[in-house]
């Protein structure tokens, strides 16, 4: 049923994420005949996801499963909807977690110990802090998206949440990390082959279970919030932060949304370079500077 549904929804822009969630859910449920699918099977799969501390992911999986089962009933593959009376998992509360300077420094220097065999994971986490982008976008970074001489990362519409092309200036330390990753990536167009936001989350979960992540809990998305909050505290204007974060609803002003087509490239670069220097001060790292 999953295979058939994926083929039927191949036109959807988000099909890769839907496919990932459905395959993971199917793996949790196991081998069950479609005619024998019961809501307890769905509940067990969702409970496993909730147990990992991922309520948002559980809600998305439930929505995907509900859509697939509704589709199967409409096709006649199922006589009745076994989850018609089920409620979606409780919505996740809006997180406000940001890391303190002390936490950032501890994490930055502990990464080789936390992930001794996963240099790619170390680099992705550092880039999450440096650039303030979504972990999935960083993990899926392509060499073809990069112009390291101009220090520009061009994300196509198919790789961003709001389906709008996103141009991000790269700070000097970010370029250094990316260059190191490219050397290790081989012939693949991927800067971090095999890495996704899901695999990154699983790596953090394993590290936490092994006692390598101590102190208050944080998620990878908290790193994005941390960097954007820090830039705001440094005086970066809200509209510039909105462009860095690639939030299409960053300004309610009709003038800004409809009539102003300035990309704020220089302002974004200045903000990200200033944050990179501030981050270097926090971590005690040498600041890498490249000629403009």
C-alpha atoms as a PDB file:
ATOM      1  CA  UNK A   1       0.000   0.000   0.000  1.00  0.00           C
ATOM      2  CA  UNK A   2       2.854   2.390   0.810  1.00  0.00           C
ATOM      3  CA  UNK A   3       4.528   1.664  -2.525  1.00  0.00           C
ATOM      4  CA  UNK A   4       1.324   2.284  -4.474  1.00  0.00           C
ATOM      5  CA  UNK A   5       0.517   5.471  -2.565  1.00  0.00           C
ATOM      6  CA  UNK A   6       4.003   6.909  -3.201  1.00  0.00           C
ATOM      7  CA  UNK A   7       3.614   6.303  -6.930  1.00  0.00           C
ATOM      8  CA  UNK A   8       0.178   7.932  -6.889  1.00  0.00           C
ATOM      9  CA  UNK A   9       1.536  11.001  -5.083  1.00  0.00           C
ATOM     10  CA  UNK A  10       4.781  11.274  -7.077  1.00  0.00           C
ATOM     11  CA  UNK A  11       3.751  14.746  -8.306  1.00  0.00           C
ATOM     12  CA  UNK A  12       3.772  16.271  -4.816  1.00  0.00           C
ATOM     13  CA  UNK A  13       6.736  18.487  -3.985  1.00  0.00           C
ATOM     14  CA  UNK A  14       7.016  16.976  -0.503  1.00  0.00           C
ATOM     15  CA  UNK A  15       6.857  13.349  -1.688  1.00  0.00           C
ATOM     16  CA  UNK A  16      10.376  12.528  -0.489  1.00  0.00           C
ATOM     17  CA  UNK A  17       9.554  13.463   3.088  1.00  0.00           C
ATOM     18  CA  UNK A  18       6.178  11.717   2.883  1.00  0.00           C
ATOM     19  CA  UNK A  19       7.905   8.612   1.541  1.00  0.00           C
ATOM     20  CA  UNK A  20      10.491   8.684   4.332  1.00  0.00           C
ATOM     21  CA  UNK A  21       7.828   8.988   7.029  1.00  0.00           C
ATOM     22  CA  UNK A  22       5.611   6.265   5.555  1.00  0.00           C
ATOM     23  CA  UNK A  23       8.487   3.822   5.091  1.00  0.00           C
ATOM     24  CA  UNK A  24       9.580   4.366   8.688  1.00  0.00           C
ATOM     25  CA  UNK A  25       6.005   3.894   9.909  1.00  0.00           C
ATOM     26  CA  UNK A  26       5.662   0.724   7.817  1.00  0.00           C
ATOM     27  CA  UNK A  27       8.885  -0.593   9.330  1.00  0.00           C
ATOM     28  CA  UNK A  28       7.488   0.030  12.821  1.00  0.00           C
ATOM     29  CA  UNK A  29       4.166  -1.633  12.009  1.00  0.00           C
ATOM     30  CA  UNK A  30       5.795  -4.632  10.344  1.00  0.00           C
ATOM     31  CA  UNK A  31       4.275  -7.115   7.912  1.00  0.00           C
ATOM     32  CA  UNK A  32       0.520  -6.693   8.182  1.00  0.00           C
ATOM     33  CA  UNK A  33      -2.060  -7.458   5.531  1.00  0.00           C
ATOM     34  CA  UNK A  34      -3.907  -4.348   4.436  1.00  0.00           C
ATOM     35  CA  UNK A  35      -7.224  -6.049   5.219  1.00  0.00           C
ATOM     36  CA  UNK A  36      -6.012  -6.751   8.780  1.00  0.00           C
ATOM     37  CA  UNK A  37      -4.631  -3.279   9.533  1.00  0.00           C
ATOM     38  CA  UNK A  38      -5.871  -2.165  12.959  1.00  0.00           C
ATOM     39  CA  UNK A  39      -5.649   1.178  14.698  1.00  0.00           C
ATOM     40  CA  UNK A  40      -3.503  -0.420  17.428  1.00  0.00           C
ATOM     41  CA  UNK A  41      -0.846  -0.931  14.722  1.00  0.00           C
ATOM     42  CA  UNK A  42      -0.908   2.792  14.013  1.00  0.00           C
ATOM     43  CA  UNK A  43      -0.920   3.635  17.731  1.00  0.00           C
ATOM     44  CA  UNK A  44       2.175   1.513  18.395  1.00  0.00           C
ATOM     45  CA  UNK A  45       4.068   3.188  15.561  1.00  0.00           C
ATOM     46  CA  UNK A  46       3.094   6.663  16.783  1.00  0.00           C
ATOM     47  CA  UNK A  47       3.983   5.789  20.390  1.00  0.00           C
ATOM     48  CA  UNK A  48       7.484   4.835  19.262  1.00  0.00           C
ATOM     49  CA  UNK A  49       7.940   8.202  17.550  1.00  0.00           C
ATOM     50  CA  UNK A  50       6.533  10.090  20.548  1.00  0.00           C
ATOM     51  CA  UNK A  51       8.936   8.135  22.749  1.00  0.00           C
ATOM     52  CA  UNK A  52      11.816   9.645  20.814  1.00  0.00           C
ATOM     53  CA  UNK A  53      10.592  13.093  21.844  1.00  0.00           C
ATOM     54  CA  UNK A  54       9.284  13.957  18.364  1.00  0.00           C
ATOM     55  CA  UNK A  55       5.611  14.998  18.687  1.00  0.00           C
ATOM     56  CA  UNK A  56       5.714  17.061  15.486  1.00  0.00           C
ATOM     57  CA  UNK A  57       7.037  14.106  13.532  1.00  0.00           C
ATOM     58  CA  UNK A  58       4.319  11.879  15.052  1.00  0.00           C
ATOM     59  CA  UNK A  59       1.624  14.303  13.879  1.00  0.00           C
ATOM     60  CA  UNK A  60       3.055  14.361  10.353  1.00  0.00           C
ATOM     61  CA  UNK A  61       3.248  10.561  10.234  1.00  0.00           C
ATOM     62  CA  UNK A  62      -0.359  10.318  11.395  1.00  0.00           C
ATOM     63  CA  UNK A  63      -1.487  12.767   8.697  1.00  0.00           C
ATOM     64  CA  UNK A  64       0.409  10.806   6.034  1.00  0.00           C
ATOM     65  CA  UNK A  65      -1.068   7.502   7.204  1.00  0.00           C
ATOM     66  CA  UNK A  66      -4.559   8.983   7.353  1.00  0.00           C
ATOM     67  CA  UNK A  67      -4.235  10.322   3.798  1.00  0.00           C
ATOM     68  CA  UNK A  68      -2.932   6.980   2.537  1.00  0.00           C
ATOM     69  CA  UNK A  69      -5.670   4.947   4.218  1.00  0.00           C
ATOM     70  CA  UNK A  70      -8.382   7.333   2.984  1.00  0.00           C
ATOM     71  CA  UNK A  71      -6.931   6.910  -0.526  1.00  0.00           C
ATOM     72  CA  UNK A  72      -6.943   3.105  -0.152  1.00  0.00           C
ATOM     73  CA  UNK A  73     -10.604   3.122   0.940  1.00  0.00           C
ATOM     74  CA  UNK A  74     -11.540   5.296  -2.041  1.00  0.00           C
ATOM     75  CA  UNK A  75      -9.777   2.838  -4.352  1.00  0.00           C
ATOM     76  CA  UNK A  76     -11.522  -0.137  -2.802  1.00  0.00           C
ATOM     77  CA  UNK A  77      -8.363  -1.705  -1.371  1.00  0.00           C
ATOM     78  CA  UNK A  78      -9.907  -1.307   2.079  1.00  0.00           C
ATOM     79  CA  UNK A  79     -13.563  -1.798   2.917  1.00  0.00           C
ATOM     80  CA  UNK A  80     -13.440   0.550   5.893  1.00  0.00           C
ATOM     81  CA  UNK A  81     -11.134   3.121   7.432  1.00  0.00           C
ATOM     82  CA  UNK A  82      -9.586   1.502  10.541  1.00  0.00           C
ATOM     83  CA  UNK A  83      -8.385   4.811  11.971  1.00  0.00           C
ATOM     84  CA  UNK A  84     -11.473   6.913  11.274  1.00  0.00           C
ATOM     85  CA  UNK A  85     -12.060   7.494  14.991  1.00  0.00           C
ATOM     86  CA  UNK A  86      -8.423   8.115  15.898  1.00  0.00           C
ATOM     87  CA  UNK A  87      -7.232  11.546  16.945  1.00  0.00           C
ATOM     88  CA  UNK A  88      -3.949  13.035  15.879  1.00  0.00           C
ATOM     89  CA  UNK A  89      -1.186  13.116  18.510  1.00  0.00           C
ATOM     90  CA  UNK A  90      -1.194  16.247  20.651  1.00  0.00           C
ATOM     91  CA  UNK A  91       0.394  19.247  18.923  1.00  0.00           C
ATOM     92  CA  UNK A  92       3.898  20.138  19.983  1.00  0.00           C
ATOM     93  CA  UNK A  93       4.234  23.244  22.101  1.00  0.00           C
ATOM     94  CA  UNK A  94       6.079  26.152  20.531  1.00  0.00           C
ATOM     95  CA  UNK A  95       9.690  25.825  21.610  1.00  0.00           C
ATOM     96  CA  UNK A  96      11.604  28.816  22.932  1.00  0.00           C
ATOM     97  CA  UNK A  97      14.839  27.011  23.776  1.00  0.00           C
ATOM     98  CA  UNK A  98      18.102  28.721  22.911  1.00  0.00           C
ATOM     99  CA  UNK A  99      21.563  27.680  24.013  1.00  0.00           C
ATOM    100  CA  UNK A 100      23.544  29.907  26.352  1.00  0.00           C
ATOM    101  CA  UNK A 101      27.066  31.013  25.481  1.00  0.00           C
ATOM    102  CA  UNK A 102      28.429  28.449  27.941  1.00  0.00           C
ATOM    103  CA  UNK A 103      26.344  25.676  26.347  1.00  0.00           C
ATOM    104  CA  UNK A 104      27.483  26.684  22.871  1.00  0.00           C
ATOM    105  CA  UNK A 105      31.134  26.564  23.915  1.00  0.00           C
ATOM    106  CA  UNK A 106      30.731  23.198  25.646  1.00  0.00           C
ATOM    107  CA  UNK A 107      28.913  21.694  22.666  1.00  0.00           C
ATOM    108  CA  UNK A 108      31.328  23.094  20.086  1.00  0.00           C
ATOM    109  CA  UNK A 109      34.364  21.550  21.759  1.00  0.00           C
ATOM    110  CA  UNK A 110      32.617  18.312  22.784  1.00  0.00           C
ATOM    111  CA  UNK A 111      31.470  17.377  19.267  1.00  0.00           C
ATOM    112  CA  UNK A 112      34.516  15.153  18.495  1.00  0.00           C
ATOM    113  CA  UNK A 113      33.819  13.258  21.726  1.00  0.00           C
ATOM    114  CA  UNK A 114      30.058  13.058  21.196  1.00  0.00           C
ATOM    115  CA  UNK A 115      30.384  11.895  17.571  1.00  0.00           C
ATOM    116  CA  UNK A 116      33.903  10.418  17.312  1.00  0.00           C
ATOM    117  CA  UNK A 117      33.135   8.479  14.121  1.00  0.00           C
ATOM    118  CA  UNK A 118      30.787  10.973  12.496  1.00  0.00           C
ATOM    119  CA  UNK A 119      32.773  13.980  11.310  1.00  0.00           C
ATOM    120  CA  UNK A 120      29.931  14.906   8.947  1.00  0.00           C
ATOM    121  CA  UNK A 121      27.552  15.209  11.910  1.00  0.00           C
ATOM    122  CA  UNK A 122      30.025  17.467  13.708  1.00  0.00           C
ATOM    123  CA  UNK A 123      30.279  19.720  10.655  1.00  0.00           C
ATOM    124  CA  UNK A 124      26.500  19.897  10.106  1.00  0.00           C
ATOM    125  CA  UNK A 125      25.904  20.924  13.711  1.00  0.00           C
ATOM    126  CA  UNK A 126      28.559  23.641  13.485  1.00  0.00           C
ATOM    127  CA  UNK A 127      27.031  24.913  10.248  1.00  0.00           C
ATOM    128  CA  UNK A 128      23.582  24.950  11.882  1.00  0.00           C
ATOM    129  CA  UNK A 129      24.985  27.346  14.474  1.00  0.00           C
ATOM    130  CA  UNK A 130      26.964  29.434  11.977  1.00  0.00           C
ATOM    131  CA  UNK A 131      24.275  29.823   9.316  1.00  0.00           C
ATOM    132  CA  UNK A 132      20.940  29.580  11.146  1.00  0.00           C
ATOM    133  CA  UNK A 133      19.433  27.353   8.433  1.00  0.00           C
ATOM    134  CA  UNK A 134      17.301  24.234   8.771  1.00  0.00           C
ATOM    135  CA  UNK A 135      19.261  21.083   9.506  1.00  0.00           C
ATOM    136  CA  UNK A 136      17.705  19.220   6.571  1.00  0.00           C
ATOM    137  CA  UNK A 137      18.803  21.939   4.163  1.00  0.00           C
ATOM    138  CA  UNK A 138      22.361  21.826   5.486  1.00  0.00           C
ATOM    139  CA  UNK A 139      22.513  18.024   5.568  1.00  0.00           C
ATOM    140  CA  UNK A 140      21.265  17.948   1.964  1.00  0.00           C
ATOM    141  CA  UNK A 141      23.735  20.579   0.726  1.00  0.00           C
ATOM    142  CA  UNK A 142      24.900  20.001  -2.872  1.00  0.00           C
ATOM    143  CA  UNK A 143      28.198  21.019  -4.432  1.00  0.00           C
ATOM    144  CA  UNK A 144      26.228  22.274  -7.422  1.00  0.00           C
ATOM    145  CA  UNK A 145      24.473  24.771  -5.121  1.00  0.00           C
ATOM    146  CA  UNK A 146      27.730  26.351  -3.982  1.00  0.00           C
ATOM    147  CA  UNK A 147      29.916  29.137  -5.303  1.00  0.00           C
ATOM    148  CA  UNK A 148      32.727  29.146  -2.768  1.00  0.00           C
ATOM    149  CA  UNK A 149      34.689  31.871  -4.573  1.00  0.00           C
ATOM    150  CA  UNK A 150      31.739  34.232  -4.249  1.00  0.00           C
ATOM    151  CA  UNK A 151      30.804  32.604  -0.922  1.00  0.00           C
ATOM    152  CA  UNK A 152      27.184  32.057  -1.930  1.00  0.00           C
ATOM    153  CA  UNK A 153      24.919  29.072  -1.287  1.00  0.00           C
ATOM    154  CA  UNK A 154      21.956  28.969  -3.684  1.00  0.00           C
ATOM    155  CA  UNK A 155      19.163  26.695  -2.472  1.00  0.00           C
ATOM    156  CA  UNK A 156      16.648  25.761  -5.192  1.00  0.00           C
ATOM    157  CA  UNK A 157      12.924  26.025  -4.545  1.00  0.00           C
ATOM    158  CA  UNK A 158      12.635  22.232  -4.350  1.00  0.00           C
ATOM    159  CA  UNK A 159      14.881  22.148  -1.289  1.00  0.00           C
ATOM    160  CA  UNK A 160      13.324  24.817   0.911  1.00  0.00           C
ATOM    161  CA  UNK A 161      10.184  24.865   3.010  1.00  0.00           C
ATOM    162  CA  UNK A 162       8.488  27.842   1.346  1.00  0.00           C
ATOM    163  CA  UNK A 163       9.391  26.708  -2.211  1.00  0.00           C
ATOM    164  CA  UNK A 164      11.253  29.956  -2.927  1.00  0.00           C
ATOM    165  CA  UNK A 165      14.848  30.106  -4.145  1.00  0.00           C
ATOM    166  CA  UNK A 166      17.087  31.100  -1.258  1.00  0.00           C
ATOM    167  CA  UNK A 167      20.476  32.808  -1.661  1.00  0.00           C
ATOM    168  CA  UNK A 168      22.606  32.707   1.471  1.00  0.00           C
ATOM    169  CA  UNK A 169      25.987  34.419   1.894  1.00  0.00           C
ATOM    170  CA  UNK A 170      28.529  32.158   3.567  1.00  0.00           C
ATOM    171  CA  UNK A 171      30.754  33.412   6.365  1.00  0.00           C
ATOM    172  CA  UNK A 172      34.448  32.584   6.230  1.00  0.00           C
ATOM    173  CA  UNK A 173      34.327  29.846   8.922  1.00  0.00           C
ATOM    174  CA  UNK A 174      31.361  28.234   7.129  1.00  0.00           C
ATOM    175  CA  UNK A 175      33.331  28.147   3.870  1.00  0.00           C
ATOM    176  CA  UNK A 176      36.252  26.486   5.656  1.00  0.00           C
ATOM    177  CA  UNK A 177      33.984  23.744   7.094  1.00  0.00           C
ATOM    178  CA  UNK A 178      32.290  23.176   3.725  1.00  0.00           C
ATOM    179  CA  UNK A 179      35.634  22.902   1.913  1.00  0.00           C
ATOM    180  CA  UNK A 180      36.803  20.264   4.391  1.00  0.00           C
ATOM    181  CA  UNK A 181      33.548  18.340   3.883  1.00  0.00           C
ATOM    182  CA  UNK A 182      33.863  18.493   0.088  1.00  0.00           C
ATOM    183  CA  UNK A 183      37.311  16.922   0.269  1.00  0.00           C
ATOM    184  CA  UNK A 184      35.845  13.984   2.222  1.00  0.00           C
ATOM    185  CA  UNK A 185      32.708  13.634   0.072  1.00  0.00           C
ATOM    186  CA  UNK A 186      34.334  11.977  -2.939  1.00  0.00           C
ATOM    187  CA  UNK A 187      32.605  12.072  -6.319  1.00  0.00           C
ATOM    188  CA  UNK A 188      29.114  12.628  -4.920  1.00  0.00           C
ATOM    189  CA  UNK A 189      27.351  15.929  -5.570  1.00  0.00           C
ATOM    190  CA  UNK A 190      26.304  15.808  -1.921  1.00  0.00           C
ATOM    191  CA  UNK A 191      28.551  17.652   0.496  1.00  0.00           C
ATOM    192  CA  UNK A 192      27.360  15.290   3.238  1.00  0.00           C
ATOM    193  CA  UNK A 193      26.513  11.990   1.477  1.00  0.00           C
ATOM    194  CA  UNK A 194      23.859   9.944   3.231  1.00  0.00           C
ATOM    195  CA  UNK A 195      23.001  12.652   5.759  1.00  0.00           C
ATOM    196  CA  UNK A 196      19.455  13.905   6.414  1.00  0.00           C
ATOM    197  CA  UNK A 197      17.704  15.772   9.213  1.00  0.00           C
ATOM    198  CA  UNK A 198      16.218  12.411  10.245  1.00  0.00           C
ATOM    199  CA  UNK A 199      19.617  10.681  10.479  1.00  0.00           C
ATOM    200  CA  UNK A 200      20.961  13.671  12.374  1.00  0.00           C
ATOM    201  CA  UNK A 201      18.104  13.458  14.877  1.00  0.00           C
ATOM    202  CA  UNK A 202      18.744   9.736  15.327  1.00  0.00           C
ATOM    203  CA  UNK A 203      22.446  10.417  15.949  1.00  0.00           C
ATOM    204  CA  UNK A 204      21.537  12.878  18.693  1.00  0.00           C
ATOM    205  CA  UNK A 205      19.102  10.376  20.199  1.00  0.00           C
ATOM    206  CA  UNK A 206      21.775   7.657  20.312  1.00  0.00           C
ATOM    207  CA  UNK A 207      24.322  10.059  21.806  1.00  0.00           C
ATOM    208  CA  UNK A 208      21.834  11.138  24.480  1.00  0.00           C
ATOM    209  CA  UNK A 209      21.013   7.540  25.367  1.00  0.00           C
ATOM    210  CA  UNK A 210      24.729   6.801  25.739  1.00  0.00           C
ATOM    211  CA  UNK A 211      25.125   9.700  28.148  1.00  0.00           C
ATOM    212  CA  UNK A 212      27.266  11.790  25.803  1.00  0.00           C
ATOM    213  CA  UNK A 213      24.854  14.730  25.824  1.00  0.00           C
ATOM    214  CA  UNK A 214      24.433  16.052  29.325  1.00  0.00           C
ATOM    215  CA  UNK A 215      22.680  19.106  30.704  1.00  0.00           C
ATOM    216  CA  UNK A 216      19.409  20.545  29.425  1.00  0.00           C
ATOM    217  CA  UNK A 217      17.813  18.925  26.402  1.00  0.00           C
ATOM    218  CA  UNK A 218      18.016  20.686  23.064  1.00  0.00           C
ATOM    219  CA  UNK A 219      17.119  19.826  19.485  1.00  0.00           C
ATOM    220  CA  UNK A 220      18.903  20.556  16.234  1.00  0.00           C
ATOM    221  CA  UNK A 221      16.244  23.163  15.411  1.00  0.00           C
ATOM    222  CA  UNK A 222      17.138  24.934  18.664  1.00  0.00           C
ATOM    223  CA  UNK A 223      20.538  25.671  17.084  1.00  0.00           C
ATOM    224  CA  UNK A 224      18.807  27.616  14.302  1.00  0.00           C
ATOM    225  CA  UNK A 225      16.782  29.531  16.889  1.00  0.00           C
ATOM    226  CA  UNK A 226      19.939  30.187  18.906  1.00  0.00           C
ATOM    227  CA  UNK A 227      21.850  31.753  16.021  1.00  0.00           C
ATOM    228  CA  UNK A 228      18.935  33.873  14.811  1.00  0.00           C
ATOM    229  CA  UNK A 229      18.225  35.061  18.364  1.00  0.00           C
ATOM    230  CA  UNK A 230      21.889  35.942  18.844  1.00  0.00           C
ATOM    231  CA  UNK A 231      21.942  37.978  15.636  1.00  0.00           C
ATOM    232  CA  UNK A 232      18.824  39.813  16.776  1.00  0.00           C
ATOM    233  CA  UNK A 233      20.549  40.606  20.086  1.00  0.00           C
ATOM    234  CA  UNK A 234      23.497  41.975  18.107  1.00  0.00           C
ATOM    235  CA  UNK A 235      21.183  44.491  16.432  1.00  0.00           C
ATOM    236  CA  UNK A 236      20.439  42.787  13.109  1.00  0.00           C
ATOM    237  CA  UNK A 237      17.210  44.233  11.735  1.00  0.00           C
ATOM    238  CA  UNK A 238      14.119  41.957  11.777  1.00  0.00           C
ATOM    239  CA  UNK A 239      13.643  42.128   8.002  1.00  0.00           C
ATOM    240  CA  UNK A 240      17.256  41.050   7.471  1.00  0.00           C
ATOM    241  CA  UNK A 241      16.810  38.156   9.895  1.00  0.00           C
ATOM    242  CA  UNK A 242      13.682  37.172   7.981  1.00  0.00           C
ATOM    243  CA  UNK A 243      15.670  37.016   4.751  1.00  0.00           C
ATOM    244  CA  UNK A 244      18.438  34.992   6.416  1.00  0.00           C
ATOM    245  CA  UNK A 245      15.862  32.535   7.791  1.00  0.00           C
ATOM    246  CA  UNK A 246      14.045  32.490   4.420  1.00  0.00           C
ATOM    247  CA  UNK A 247      10.697  33.235   6.044  1.00  0.00           C
ATOM    248  CA  UNK A 248       8.270  34.387   3.369  1.00  0.00           C
ATOM    249  CA  UNK A 249       6.011  35.988   6.005  1.00  0.00           C
ATOM    250  CA  UNK A 250       8.808  37.948   7.630  1.00  0.00           C
ATOM    251  CA  UNK A 251       7.140  41.299   6.969  1.00  0.00           C
ATOM    252  CA  UNK A 252       3.445  42.050   7.054  1.00  0.00           C
ATOM    253  CA  UNK A 253       4.028  45.253   5.139  1.00  0.00           C
ATOM    254  CA  UNK A 254       2.509  45.275   1.646  1.00  0.00           C
ATOM    255  CA  UNK A 255       5.355  47.537   0.581  1.00  0.00           C
ATOM    256  CA  UNK A 256       7.988  45.011   1.682  1.00  0.00           C
ATOM    257  CA  UNK A 257       6.148  41.964   0.330  1.00  0.00           C
ATOM    258  CA  UNK A 258       4.987  43.351  -3.005  1.00  0.00           C
ATOM    259  CA  UNK A 259       7.041  46.343  -4.021  1.00  0.00           C
ATOM    260  CA  UNK A 260      10.498  45.933  -2.452  1.00  0.00           C
ATOM    261  CA  UNK A 261      12.590  43.418  -4.366  1.00  0.00           C
ATOM    262  CA  UNK A 262      15.924  44.231  -2.762  1.00  0.00           C
ATOM    263  CA  UNK A 263      17.627  40.948  -1.740  1.00  0.00           C
ATOM    264  CA  UNK A 264      19.480  42.410   1.278  1.00  0.00           C
ATOM    265  CA  UNK A 265      22.523  40.367   0.215  1.00  0.00           C
ATOM    266  CA  UNK A 266      25.035  42.802   1.711  1.00  0.00           C
ATOM    267  CA  UNK A 267      23.062  43.095   4.940  1.00  0.00           C
ATOM    268  CA  UNK A 268      22.760  39.295   5.233  1.00  0.00           C
ATOM    269  CA  UNK A 269      26.487  38.862   4.653  1.00  0.00           C
ATOM    270  CA  UNK A 270      27.377  41.489   7.250  1.00  0.00           C
ATOM    271  CA  UNK A 271      25.075  39.858   9.809  1.00  0.00           C
ATOM    272  CA  UNK A 272      26.409  36.338   9.227  1.00  0.00           C
ATOM    273  CA  UNK A 273      30.042  37.476   9.308  1.00  0.00           C
ATOM    274  CA  UNK A 274      29.433  39.395  12.537  1.00  0.00           C
ATOM    275  CA  UNK A 275      27.739  36.354  14.079  1.00  0.00           C
ATOM    276  CA  UNK A 276      30.633  34.125  12.980  1.00  0.00           C
ATOM    277  CA  UNK A 277      33.082  36.423  14.771  1.00  0.00           C
ATOM    278  CA  UNK A 278      30.866  36.482  17.858  1.00  0.00           C
ATOM    279  CA  UNK A 279      30.628  32.683  17.774  1.00  0.00           C
ATOM    280  CA  UNK A 280      34.409  32.466  17.524  1.00  0.00           C
ATOM    281  CA  UNK A 281      34.683  34.621  20.645  1.00  0.00           C
ATOM    282  CA  UNK A 282      32.228  32.361  22.480  1.00  0.00           C
ATOM    283  CA  UNK A 283      34.001  29.154  21.496  1.00  0.00           C
ATOM    284  CA  UNK A 284      37.535  30.501  21.720  1.00  0.00           C
ATOM    285  CA  UNK A 285      38.223  29.557  18.082  1.00  0.00           C
ATOM    286  CA  UNK A 286      40.437  31.607  15.798  1.00  0.00           C
ATOM    287  CA  UNK A 287      38.342  33.737  13.487  1.00  0.00           C
ATOM    288  CA  UNK A 288      38.800  32.720   9.845  1.00  0.00           C
ATOM    289  CA  UNK A 289      38.721  35.677   7.482  1.00  0.00           C
ATOM    290  CA  UNK A 290      38.666  35.402   3.696  1.00  0.00           C
ATOM    291  CA  UNK A 291      39.133  38.249   1.269  1.00  0.00           C
ATOM    292  CA  UNK A 292      35.812  39.532  -0.032  1.00  0.00           C
END
